Amino acid sequence: MIDKNNFMGLNGFVWWVGVIENRVDPLAMGRCQVRIFGWHTDNLSLLPTKDLPWAQALLPINNTKSWQPPTVGDWVAGWFLDGENGQFPVMMGVLSGIKQDISV
């Protein structure tokens, strides 16, 4: 029997907002490392950028070849593919006009 209370879209949809800290994806897939507000500490000594999970981008189906990742300091919104586990983030879009200096 299918557990209808535990699959993406029905239960456990967890959305987030965060700031781009790294956009140099070693796999060249357009992924970014995002410090997600409320999920990741602001303390770079406790959680350095290199240890943040890679967030995949939700791309438009008609323009996947010319897409550019957001810039460092942009705020993005997204959701976790794995719900409350929070290990597989997906970026849906950039929040316009909001930049954060992550060098502090």
PDB file of N, CA and C in Angstrom:
ATOM      1  N   MET A   1       0.827  -1.185   0.000  1.00  0.00           N
ATOM      2  CA  MET A   1       0.000   0.000   0.000  1.00  0.00           C
ATOM      3  C   MET A   1       0.877   1.256   0.000  1.00  0.00           C
ATOM      4  N   ILE A   2       0.482   2.260  -0.726  1.00  0.00           N
ATOM      5  CA  ILE A   2       1.226   3.518  -0.820  1.00  0.00           C
ATOM      6  C   ILE A   2       0.935   4.392   0.393  1.00  0.00           C
ATOM      7  N   ASP A   3       2.000   4.932   0.973  1.00  0.00           N
ATOM      8  CA  ASP A   3       1.855   5.868   2.096  1.00  0.00           C
ATOM      9  C   ASP A   3       1.571   7.250   1.521  1.00  0.00           C
ATOM     10  N   LYS A   4       0.318   7.673   1.505  1.00  0.00           N
ATOM     11  CA  LYS A   4      -0.079   8.941   0.895  1.00  0.00           C
ATOM     12  C   LYS A   4       0.199  10.144   1.790  1.00  0.00           C
ATOM     13  N   ASN A   5       0.822   9.920   2.941  1.00  0.00           N
ATOM     14  CA  ASN A   5       1.147  11.029   3.829  1.00  0.00           C
ATOM     15  C   ASN A   5       2.617  11.393   3.802  1.00  0.00           C
ATOM     16  N   ASN A   6       3.398  10.715   2.972  1.00  0.00           N
ATOM     17  CA  ASN A   6       4.824  10.967   3.018  1.00  0.00           C
ATOM     18  C   ASN A   6       5.451  10.946   1.628  1.00  0.00           C
ATOM     19  N   PHE A   7       5.105  11.895   0.804  1.00  0.00           N
ATOM     20  CA  PHE A   7       5.815  12.085  -0.449  1.00  0.00           C
ATOM     21  C   PHE A   7       5.782  13.565  -0.814  1.00  0.00           C
ATOM     22  N   MET A   8       6.752  13.974  -1.647  1.00  0.00           N
ATOM     23  CA  MET A   8       6.888  15.387  -1.985  1.00  0.00           C
ATOM     24  C   MET A   8       5.613  15.914  -2.626  1.00  0.00           C
ATOM     25  N   GLY A   9       5.176  17.068  -2.172  1.00  0.00           N
ATOM     26  CA  GLY A   9       3.982  17.687  -2.713  1.00  0.00           C
ATOM     27  C   GLY A   9       2.761  17.512  -1.834  1.00  0.00           C
ATOM     28  N   LEU A  10       2.736  16.459  -1.046  1.00  0.00           N
ATOM     29  CA  LEU A  10       1.595  16.238  -0.170  1.00  0.00           C
ATOM     30  C   LEU A  10       1.954  16.543   1.277  1.00  0.00           C
ATOM     31  N   ASN A  11       3.116  16.097   1.669  1.00  0.00           N
ATOM     32  CA  ASN A  11       3.531  16.285   3.049  1.00  0.00           C
ATOM     33  C   ASN A  11       5.008  16.650   3.053  1.00  0.00           C
ATOM     34  N   GLY A  12       5.405  17.569   3.909  1.00  0.00           N
ATOM     35  CA  GLY A  12       6.812  17.865   4.071  1.00  0.00           C
ATOM     36  C   GLY A  12       7.377  18.876   3.106  1.00  0.00           C
ATOM     37  N   PHE A  13       6.531  19.658   2.425  1.00  0.00           N
ATOM     38  CA  PHE A  13       7.067  20.705   1.552  1.00  0.00           C
ATOM     39  C   PHE A  13       7.645  21.803   2.432  1.00  0.00           C
ATOM     40  N   VAL A  14       8.960  21.981   2.356  1.00  0.00           N
ATOM     41  CA  VAL A  14       9.660  22.956   3.196  1.00  0.00           C
ATOM     42  C   VAL A  14      10.345  23.953   2.284  1.00  0.00           C
ATOM     43  N   TRP A  15       9.897  25.206   2.337  1.00  0.00           N
ATOM     44  CA  TRP A  15      10.496  26.243   1.510  1.00  0.00           C
ATOM     45  C   TRP A  15      11.468  27.058   2.353  1.00  0.00           C
ATOM     46  N   TRP A  16      12.323  27.816   1.664  1.00  0.00           N
ATOM     47  CA  TRP A  16      13.355  28.576   2.362  1.00  0.00           C
ATOM     48  C   TRP A  16      13.758  29.819   1.566  1.00  0.00           C
ATOM     49  N   VAL A  17      14.492  30.716   2.249  1.00  0.00           N
ATOM     50  CA  VAL A  17      15.134  31.886   1.633  1.00  0.00           C
ATOM     51  C   VAL A  17      16.568  31.891   2.131  1.00  0.00           C
ATOM     52  N   GLY A  18      17.505  32.209   1.259  1.00  0.00           N
ATOM     53  CA  GLY A  18      18.908  32.239   1.649  1.00  0.00           C
ATOM     54  C   GLY A  18      19.715  33.164   0.766  1.00  0.00           C
ATOM     55  N   VAL A  19      21.008  33.238   1.037  1.00  0.00           N
ATOM     56  CA  VAL A  19      21.912  34.119   0.300  1.00  0.00           C
ATOM     57  C   VAL A  19      22.976  33.271  -0.404  1.00  0.00           C
ATOM     58  N   ILE A  20      23.260  33.621  -1.654  1.00  0.00           N
ATOM     59  CA  ILE A  20      24.271  32.924  -2.440  1.00  0.00           C
ATOM     60  C   ILE A  20      25.651  33.271  -1.880  1.00  0.00           C
ATOM     61  N   GLU A  21      26.429  32.237  -1.559  1.00  0.00           N
ATOM     62  CA  GLU A  21      27.795  32.456  -1.079  1.00  0.00           C
ATOM     63  C   GLU A  21      28.843  31.964  -2.063  1.00  0.00           C
ATOM     64  N   ASN A  22      28.489  31.021  -2.934  1.00  0.00           N
ATOM     65  CA  ASN A  22      29.437  30.514  -3.923  1.00  0.00           C
ATOM     66  C   ASN A  22      28.655  30.073  -5.146  1.00  0.00           C
ATOM     67  N   ARG A  23      29.126  30.501  -6.330  1.00  0.00           N
ATOM     68  CA  ARG A  23      28.447  30.110  -7.565  1.00  0.00           C
ATOM     69  C   ARG A  23      29.374  29.379  -8.531  1.00  0.00           C
ATOM     70  N   VAL A  24      30.570  29.017  -8.066  1.00  0.00           N
ATOM     71  CA  VAL A  24      31.531  28.310  -8.897  1.00  0.00           C
ATOM     72  C   VAL A  24      31.325  26.805  -8.689  1.00  0.00           C
ATOM     73  N   ASP A  25      30.465  26.245  -9.505  1.00  0.00           N
ATOM     74  CA  ASP A  25      30.068  24.838  -9.393  1.00  0.00           C
ATOM     75  C   ASP A  25      31.130  23.958 -10.050  1.00  0.00           C
ATOM     76  N   PRO A  26      31.775  23.064  -9.284  1.00  0.00           N
ATOM     77  CA  PRO A  26      32.797  22.195  -9.880  1.00  0.00           C
ATOM     78  C   PRO A  26      32.238  21.252 -10.944  1.00  0.00           C
ATOM     79  N   LEU A  27      30.927  21.012 -10.931  1.00  0.00           N
ATOM     80  CA  LEU A  27      30.310  20.155 -11.946  1.00  0.00           C
ATOM     81  C   LEU A  27      29.740  20.956 -13.119  1.00  0.00           C
ATOM     82  N   ALA A  28      29.850  22.295 -13.050  1.00  0.00           N
ATOM     83  CA  ALA A  28      29.362  23.185 -14.117  1.00  0.00           C
ATOM     84  C   ALA A  28      27.893  22.948 -14.450  1.00  0.00           C
ATOM     85  N   MET A  29      27.073  22.759 -13.399  1.00  0.00           N
ATOM     86  CA  MET A  29      25.637  22.530 -13.574  1.00  0.00           C
ATOM     87  C   MET A  29      24.811  23.761 -13.202  1.00  0.00           C
ATOM     88  N   GLY A  30      25.467  24.853 -12.784  1.00  0.00           N
ATOM     89  CA  GLY A  30      24.740  26.039 -12.368  1.00  0.00           C
ATOM     90  C   GLY A  30      24.311  26.017 -10.915  1.00  0.00           C
ATOM     91  N   ARG A  31      24.833  25.061 -10.153  1.00  0.00           N
ATOM     92  CA  ARG A  31      24.480  24.989  -8.738  1.00  0.00           C
ATOM     93  C   ARG A  31      25.172  26.109  -7.968  1.00  0.00           C
ATOM     94  N   CYS A  32      24.627  26.424  -6.794  1.00  0.00           N
ATOM     95  CA  CYS A  32      25.202  27.439  -5.917  1.00  0.00           C
ATOM     96  C   CYS A  32      25.191  26.922  -4.489  1.00  0.00           C
ATOM     97  N   GLN A  33      26.118  27.423  -3.703  1.00  0.00           N
ATOM     98  CA  GLN A  33      26.083  27.148  -2.273  1.00  0.00           C
ATOM     99  C   GLN A  33      25.365  28.311  -1.611  1.00  0.00           C
ATOM    100  N   VAL A  34      24.276  27.994  -0.919  1.00  0.00           N
ATOM    101  CA  VAL A  34      23.367  28.989  -0.355  1.00  0.00           C
ATOM    102  C   VAL A  34      23.340  28.827   1.164  1.00  0.00           C
ATOM    103  N   ARG A  35      23.540  29.950   1.870  1.00  0.00           N
ATOM    104  CA  ARG A  35      23.370  29.945   3.326  1.00  0.00           C
ATOM    105  C   ARG A  35      21.896  30.235   3.582  1.00  0.00           C
ATOM    106  N   ILE A  36      21.154  29.237   4.023  1.00  0.00           N
ATOM    107  CA  ILE A  36      19.708  29.322   4.154  1.00  0.00           C
ATOM    108  C   ILE A  36      19.363  29.855   5.536  1.00  0.00           C
ATOM    109  N   PHE A  37      18.626  30.970   5.544  1.00  0.00           N
ATOM    110  CA  PHE A  37      18.278  31.649   6.788  1.00  0.00           C
ATOM    111  C   PHE A  37      17.445  30.731   7.674  1.00  0.00           C
ATOM    112  N   GLY A  38      17.856  30.618   8.935  1.00  0.00           N
ATOM    113  CA  GLY A  38      17.145  29.785   9.891  1.00  0.00           C
ATOM    114  C   GLY A  38      17.579  28.327   9.886  1.00  0.00           C
ATOM    115  N   TRP A  39      18.222  27.884   8.818  1.00  0.00           N
ATOM    116  CA  TRP A  39      18.711  26.503   8.731  1.00  0.00           C
ATOM    117  C   TRP A  39      20.212  26.442   8.978  1.00  0.00           C
ATOM    118  N   HIS A  40      20.933  27.419   8.440  1.00  0.00           N
ATOM    119  CA  HIS A  40      22.385  27.448   8.563  1.00  0.00           C
ATOM    120  C   HIS A  40      22.793  28.626   9.443  1.00  0.00           C
ATOM    121  N   THR A  41      23.736  28.394  10.340  1.00  0.00           N
ATOM    122  CA  THR A  41      24.236  29.455  11.200  1.00  0.00           C
ATOM    123  C   THR A  41      24.903  30.557  10.379  1.00  0.00           C
ATOM    124  N   ASP A  42      24.877  31.777  10.896  1.00  0.00           N
ATOM    125  CA  ASP A  42      25.579  32.899  10.267  1.00  0.00           C
ATOM    126  C   ASP A  42      27.070  32.858  10.568  1.00  0.00           C
ATOM    127  N   ASN A  43      27.470  32.032  11.514  1.00  0.00           N
ATOM    128  CA  ASN A  43      28.856  31.961  11.954  1.00  0.00           C
ATOM    129  C   ASN A  43      29.676  31.137  10.956  1.00  0.00           C
ATOM    130  N   LEU A  44      30.529  31.835  10.177  1.00  0.00           N
ATOM    131  CA  LEU A  44      31.322  31.169   9.150  1.00  0.00           C
ATOM    132  C   LEU A  44      32.388  30.254   9.741  1.00  0.00           C
ATOM    133  N   SER A  45      32.729  30.456  11.007  1.00  0.00           N
ATOM    134  CA  SER A  45      33.687  29.555  11.658  1.00  0.00           C
ATOM    135  C   SER A  45      33.040  28.200  11.951  1.00  0.00           C
ATOM    136  N   LEU A  46      31.762  28.222  12.312  1.00  0.00           N
ATOM    137  CA  LEU A  46      31.036  26.979  12.598  1.00  0.00           C
ATOM    138  C   LEU A  46      30.607  26.257  11.324  1.00  0.00           C
ATOM    139  N   LEU A  47      30.213  27.019  10.317  1.00  0.00           N
ATOM    140  CA  LEU A  47      29.786  26.439   9.042  1.00  0.00           C
ATOM    141  C   LEU A  47      30.375  27.265   7.899  1.00  0.00           C
ATOM    142  N   PRO A  48      31.591  26.897   7.449  1.00  0.00           N
ATOM    143  CA  PRO A  48      32.187  27.642   6.337  1.00  0.00           C
ATOM    144  C   PRO A  48      31.430  27.409   5.032  1.00  0.00           C
ATOM    145  N   THR A  49      31.566  28.343   4.115  1.00  0.00           N
ATOM    146  CA  THR A  49      30.874  28.252   2.828  1.00  0.00           C
ATOM    147  C   THR A  49      31.140  26.916   2.147  1.00  0.00           C
ATOM    148  N   LYS A  50      32.376  26.434   2.206  1.00  0.00           N
ATOM    149  CA  LYS A  50      32.732  25.184   1.509  1.00  0.00           C
ATOM    150  C   LYS A  50      31.930  23.976   1.997  1.00  0.00           C
ATOM    151  N   ASP A  51      31.334  24.084   3.195  1.00  0.00           N
ATOM    152  CA  ASP A  51      30.562  22.973   3.747  1.00  0.00           C
ATOM    153  C   ASP A  51      29.058  23.096   3.527  1.00  0.00           C
ATOM    154  N   LEU A  52      28.603  24.173   2.903  1.00  0.00           N
ATOM    155  CA  LEU A  52      27.178  24.326   2.601  1.00  0.00           C
ATOM    156  C   LEU A  52      26.779  23.346   1.504  1.00  0.00           C
ATOM    157  N   PRO A  53      25.542  22.845   1.513  1.00  0.00           N
ATOM    158  CA  PRO A  53      25.116  21.957   0.426  1.00  0.00           C
ATOM    159  C   PRO A  53      24.973  22.741  -0.882  1.00  0.00           C
ATOM    160  N   TRP A  54      25.096  22.041  -1.986  1.00  0.00           N
ATOM    161  CA  TRP A  54      24.912  22.648  -3.303  1.00  0.00           C
ATOM    162  C   TRP A  54      23.423  22.668  -3.631  1.00  0.00           C
ATOM    163  N   ALA A  55      22.918  23.843  -3.984  1.00  0.00           N
ATOM    164  CA  ALA A  55      21.514  24.001  -4.370  1.00  0.00           C
ATOM    165  C   ALA A  55      21.411  23.949  -5.893  1.00  0.00           C
ATOM    166  N   GLN A  56      20.543  23.073  -6.379  1.00  0.00           N
ATOM    167  CA  GLN A  56      20.286  23.018  -7.812  1.00  0.00           C
ATOM    168  C   GLN A  56      19.319  24.128  -8.190  1.00  0.00           C
ATOM    169  N   ALA A  57      19.353  24.517  -9.443  1.00  0.00           N
ATOM    170  CA  ALA A  57      18.455  25.556  -9.936  1.00  0.00           C
ATOM    171  C   ALA A  57      17.293  24.937 -10.692  1.00  0.00           C
ATOM    172  N   LEU A  58      16.111  25.466 -10.455  1.00  0.00           N
ATOM    173  CA  LEU A  58      14.937  25.108 -11.242  1.00  0.00           C
ATOM    174  C   LEU A  58      14.972  25.994 -12.478  1.00  0.00           C
ATOM    175  N   LEU A  59      15.220  25.400 -13.636  1.00  0.00           N
ATOM    176  CA  LEU A  59      15.406  26.156 -14.873  1.00  0.00           C
ATOM    177  C   LEU A  59      14.138  26.130 -15.721  1.00  0.00           C
ATOM    178  N   PRO A  60      13.930  27.180 -16.523  1.00  0.00           N
ATOM    179  CA  PRO A  60      12.788  27.135 -17.452  1.00  0.00           C
ATOM    180  C   PRO A  60      13.036  26.074 -18.520  1.00  0.00           C
ATOM    181  N   ILE A  61      12.020  25.336 -18.872  1.00  0.00           N
ATOM    182  CA  ILE A  61      12.208  24.222 -19.808  1.00  0.00           C
ATOM    183  C   ILE A  61      12.539  24.682 -21.227  1.00  0.00           C
ATOM    184  N   ASN A  62      12.326  25.946 -21.525  1.00  0.00           N
ATOM    185  CA  ASN A  62      12.601  26.433 -22.880  1.00  0.00           C
ATOM    186  C   ASN A  62      13.916  27.195 -22.987  1.00  0.00           C
ATOM    187  N   ASN A  63      14.720  27.273 -21.895  1.00  0.00           N
ATOM    188  CA  ASN A  63      15.946  28.060 -21.973  1.00  0.00           C
ATOM    189  C   ASN A  63      16.992  27.538 -20.985  1.00  0.00           C
ATOM    190  N   THR A  64      17.313  26.263 -21.058  1.00  0.00           N
ATOM    191  CA  THR A  64      18.255  25.700 -20.091  1.00  0.00           C
ATOM    192  C   THR A  64      19.712  25.885 -20.503  1.00  0.00           C
ATOM    193  N   LYS A  65      19.986  26.273 -21.733  1.00  0.00           N
ATOM    194  CA  LYS A  65      21.364  26.362 -22.220  1.00  0.00           C
ATOM    195  C   LYS A  65      22.027  27.707 -21.936  1.00  0.00           C
ATOM    196  N   SER A  66      21.275  28.778 -21.811  1.00  0.00           N
ATOM    197  CA  SER A  66      21.897  30.100 -21.642  1.00  0.00           C
ATOM    198  C   SER A  66      21.697  30.668 -20.237  1.00  0.00           C
ATOM    199  N   TRP A  67      21.302  29.849 -19.312  1.00  0.00           N
ATOM    200  CA  TRP A  67      21.031  30.285 -17.953  1.00  0.00           C
ATOM    201  C   TRP A  67      22.330  30.580 -17.225  1.00  0.00           C
ATOM    202  N   GLN A  68      22.341  31.625 -16.381  1.00  0.00           N
ATOM    203  CA  GLN A  68      23.473  31.972 -15.529  1.00  0.00           C
ATOM    204  C   GLN A  68      23.044  31.881 -14.076  1.00  0.00           C
ATOM    205  N   PRO A  69      23.900  31.359 -13.191  1.00  0.00           N
ATOM    206  CA  PRO A  69      23.525  31.299 -11.779  1.00  0.00           C
ATOM    207  C   PRO A  69      23.454  32.695 -11.181  1.00  0.00           C
ATOM    208  N   PRO A  70      22.715  32.861 -10.083  1.00  0.00           N
ATOM    209  CA  PRO A  70      22.663  34.155  -9.407  1.00  0.00           C
ATOM    210  C   PRO A  70      24.057  34.567  -8.942  1.00  0.00           C
ATOM    211  N   THR A  71      24.226  35.842  -8.639  1.00  0.00           N
ATOM    212  CA  THR A  71      25.523  36.323  -8.200  1.00  0.00           C
ATOM    213  C   THR A  71      25.666  36.193  -6.688  1.00  0.00           C
ATOM    214  N   VAL A  72      26.901  36.179  -6.229  1.00  0.00           N
ATOM    215  CA  VAL A  72      27.179  36.113  -4.799  1.00  0.00           C
ATOM    216  C   VAL A  72      26.531  37.318  -4.119  1.00  0.00           C
ATOM    217  N   GLY A  73      25.818  37.072  -3.039  1.00  0.00           N
ATOM    218  CA  GLY A  73      25.107  38.118  -2.315  1.00  0.00           C
ATOM    219  C   GLY A  73      23.634  38.222  -2.656  1.00  0.00           C
ATOM    220  N   ASP A  74      23.206  37.622  -3.782  1.00  0.00           N
ATOM    221  CA  ASP A  74      21.778  37.608  -4.120  1.00  0.00           C
ATOM    222  C   ASP A  74      21.023  36.745  -3.128  1.00  0.00           C
ATOM    223  N   TRP A  75      19.799  37.152  -2.824  1.00  0.00           N
ATOM    224  CA  TRP A  75      18.895  36.323  -2.033  1.00  0.00           C
ATOM    225  C   TRP A  75      18.072  35.477  -3.000  1.00  0.00           C
ATOM    226  N   VAL A  76      17.906  34.203  -2.660  1.00  0.00           N
ATOM    227  CA  VAL A  76      17.114  33.295  -3.482  1.00  0.00           C
ATOM    228  C   VAL A  76      16.081  32.589  -2.612  1.00  0.00           C
ATOM    229  N   ALA A  77      15.016  32.142  -3.250  1.00  0.00           N
ATOM    230  CA  ALA A  77      13.972  31.370  -2.573  1.00  0.00           C
ATOM    231  C   ALA A  77      13.949  29.983  -3.196  1.00  0.00           C
ATOM    232  N   GLY A  78      13.586  28.991  -2.381  1.00  0.00           N
ATOM    233  CA  GLY A  78      13.537  27.638  -2.901  1.00  0.00           C
ATOM    234  C   GLY A  78      12.850  26.690  -1.946  1.00  0.00           C
ATOM    235  N   TRP A  79      13.076  25.417  -2.167  1.00  0.00           N
ATOM    236  CA  TRP A  79      12.515  24.378  -1.290  1.00  0.00           C
ATOM    237  C   TRP A  79      13.502  23.219  -1.225  1.00  0.00           C
ATOM    238  N   PHE A  80      13.284  22.333  -0.260  1.00  0.00           N
ATOM    239  CA  PHE A  80      14.117  21.151  -0.101  1.00  0.00           C
ATOM    240  C   PHE A  80      13.434  19.952  -0.751  1.00  0.00           C
ATOM    241  N   LEU A  81      14.164  19.246  -1.615  1.00  0.00           N
ATOM    242  CA  LEU A  81      13.614  18.025  -2.208  1.00  0.00           C
ATOM    243  C   LEU A  81      13.356  16.958  -1.158  1.00  0.00           C
ATOM    244  N   ASP A  82      14.143  16.988  -0.082  1.00  0.00           N
ATOM    245  CA  ASP A  82      14.003  15.972   0.960  1.00  0.00           C
ATOM    246  C   ASP A  82      13.270  16.492   2.190  1.00  0.00           C
ATOM    247  N   GLY A  83      12.446  17.524   2.019  1.00  0.00           N
ATOM    248  CA  GLY A  83      11.607  18.036   3.106  1.00  0.00           C
ATOM    249  C   GLY A  83      12.412  18.503   4.299  1.00  0.00           C
ATOM    250  N   GLU A  84      12.000  18.088   5.482  1.00  0.00           N
ATOM    251  CA  GLU A  84      12.596  18.568   6.720  1.00  0.00           C
ATOM    252  C   GLU A  84      14.036  18.105   6.935  1.00  0.00           C
ATOM    253  N   ASN A  85      14.509  17.145   6.171  1.00  0.00           N
ATOM    254  CA  ASN A  85      15.917  16.764   6.293  1.00  0.00           C
ATOM    255  C   ASN A  85      16.824  17.901   5.835  1.00  0.00           C
ATOM    256  N   GLY A  86      16.376  18.691   4.868  1.00  0.00           N
ATOM    257  CA  GLY A  86      17.063  19.906   4.455  1.00  0.00           C
ATOM    258  C   GLY A  86      18.442  19.723   3.855  1.00  0.00           C
ATOM    259  N   GLN A  87      18.652  18.646   3.105  1.00  0.00           N
ATOM    260  CA  GLN A  87      19.970  18.389   2.528  1.00  0.00           C
ATOM    261  C   GLN A  87      20.034  18.589   1.017  1.00  0.00           C
ATOM    262  N   PHE A  88      18.883  18.692   0.353  1.00  0.00           N
ATOM    263  CA  PHE A  88      18.849  18.813  -1.105  1.00  0.00           C
ATOM    264  C   PHE A  88      18.031  20.040  -1.518  1.00  0.00           C
ATOM    265  N   PRO A  89      18.656  21.234  -1.423  1.00  0.00           N
ATOM    266  CA  PRO A  89      17.935  22.458  -1.759  1.00  0.00           C
ATOM    267  C   PRO A  89      17.809  22.676  -3.268  1.00  0.00           C
ATOM    268  N   VAL A  90      16.713  23.302  -3.651  1.00  0.00           N
ATOM    269  CA  VAL A  90      16.461  23.699  -5.037  1.00  0.00           C
ATOM    270  C   VAL A  90      16.132  25.186  -5.034  1.00  0.00           C
ATOM    271  N   MET A  91      16.797  25.955  -5.903  1.00  0.00           N
ATOM    272  CA  MET A  91      16.524  27.391  -6.031  1.00  0.00           C
ATOM    273  C   MET A  91      15.423  27.606  -7.058  1.00  0.00           C
ATOM    274  N   MET A  92      14.391  28.370  -6.673  1.00  0.00           N
ATOM    275  CA  MET A  92      13.288  28.681  -7.592  1.00  0.00           C
ATOM    276  C   MET A  92      13.464  30.026  -8.262  1.00  0.00           C
ATOM    277  N   GLY A  93      14.026  30.996  -7.541  1.00  0.00           N
ATOM    278  CA  GLY A  93      14.161  32.319  -8.124  1.00  0.00           C
ATOM    279  C   GLY A  93      14.912  33.271  -7.218  1.00  0.00           C
ATOM    280  N   VAL A  94      15.280  34.401  -7.791  1.00  0.00           N
ATOM    281  CA  VAL A  94      16.007  35.451  -7.083  1.00  0.00           C
ATOM    282  C   VAL A  94      15.017  36.495  -6.598  1.00  0.00           C
ATOM    283  N   LEU A  95      15.207  36.949  -5.373  1.00  0.00           N
ATOM    284  CA  LEU A  95      14.406  38.048  -4.835  1.00  0.00           C
ATOM    285  C   LEU A  95      15.068  39.349  -5.261  1.00  0.00           C
ATOM    286  N   SER A  96      14.405  40.100  -6.094  1.00  0.00           N
ATOM    287  CA  SER A  96      15.018  41.294  -6.685  1.00  0.00           C
ATOM    288  C   SER A  96      15.295  42.379  -5.651  1.00  0.00           C
ATOM    289  N   GLY A  97      16.397  43.064  -5.851  1.00  0.00           N
ATOM    290  CA  GLY A  97      16.723  44.233  -5.042  1.00  0.00           C
ATOM    291  C   GLY A  97      17.328  43.952  -3.685  1.00  0.00           C
ATOM    292  N   ILE A  98      17.496  42.692  -3.313  1.00  0.00           N
ATOM    293  CA  ILE A  98      18.059  42.380  -2.001  1.00  0.00           C
ATOM    294  C   ILE A  98      19.446  41.799  -2.199  1.00  0.00           C
ATOM    295  N   LYS A  99      20.450  42.492  -1.665  1.00  0.00           N
ATOM    296  CA  LYS A  99      21.824  41.993  -1.704  1.00  0.00           C
ATOM    297  C   LYS A  99      22.327  41.949  -0.281  1.00  0.00           C
ATOM    298  N   GLN A 100      23.220  41.037  -0.008  1.00  0.00           N
ATOM    299  CA  GLN A 100      23.827  40.962   1.314  1.00  0.00           C
ATOM    300  C   GLN A 100      25.322  40.836   1.140  1.00  0.00           C
ATOM    301  N   ASP A 101      26.077  41.633   1.892  1.00  0.00           N
ATOM    302  CA  ASP A 101      27.529  41.548   1.872  1.00  0.00           C
ATOM    303  C   ASP A 101      27.925  40.362   2.736  1.00  0.00           C
ATOM    304  N   ILE A 102      28.417  39.301   2.114  1.00  0.00           N
ATOM    305  CA  ILE A 102      28.734  38.101   2.873  1.00  0.00           C
ATOM    306  C   ILE A 102      30.186  38.100   3.345  1.00  0.00           C
ATOM    307  N   SER A 103      30.914  39.195   3.123  1.00  0.00           N
ATOM    308  CA  SER A 103      32.323  39.230   3.505  1.00  0.00           C
ATOM    309  C   SER A 103      32.523  39.576   4.973  1.00  0.00           C
ATOM    310  N   VAL A 104      31.444  39.930   5.683  1.00  0.00           N
ATOM    311  CA  VAL A 104      31.579  40.299   7.094  1.00  0.00           C
ATOM    312  C   VAL A 104      31.534  39.085   7.989  1.00  0.00           C
TER     313      VAL A 104
END
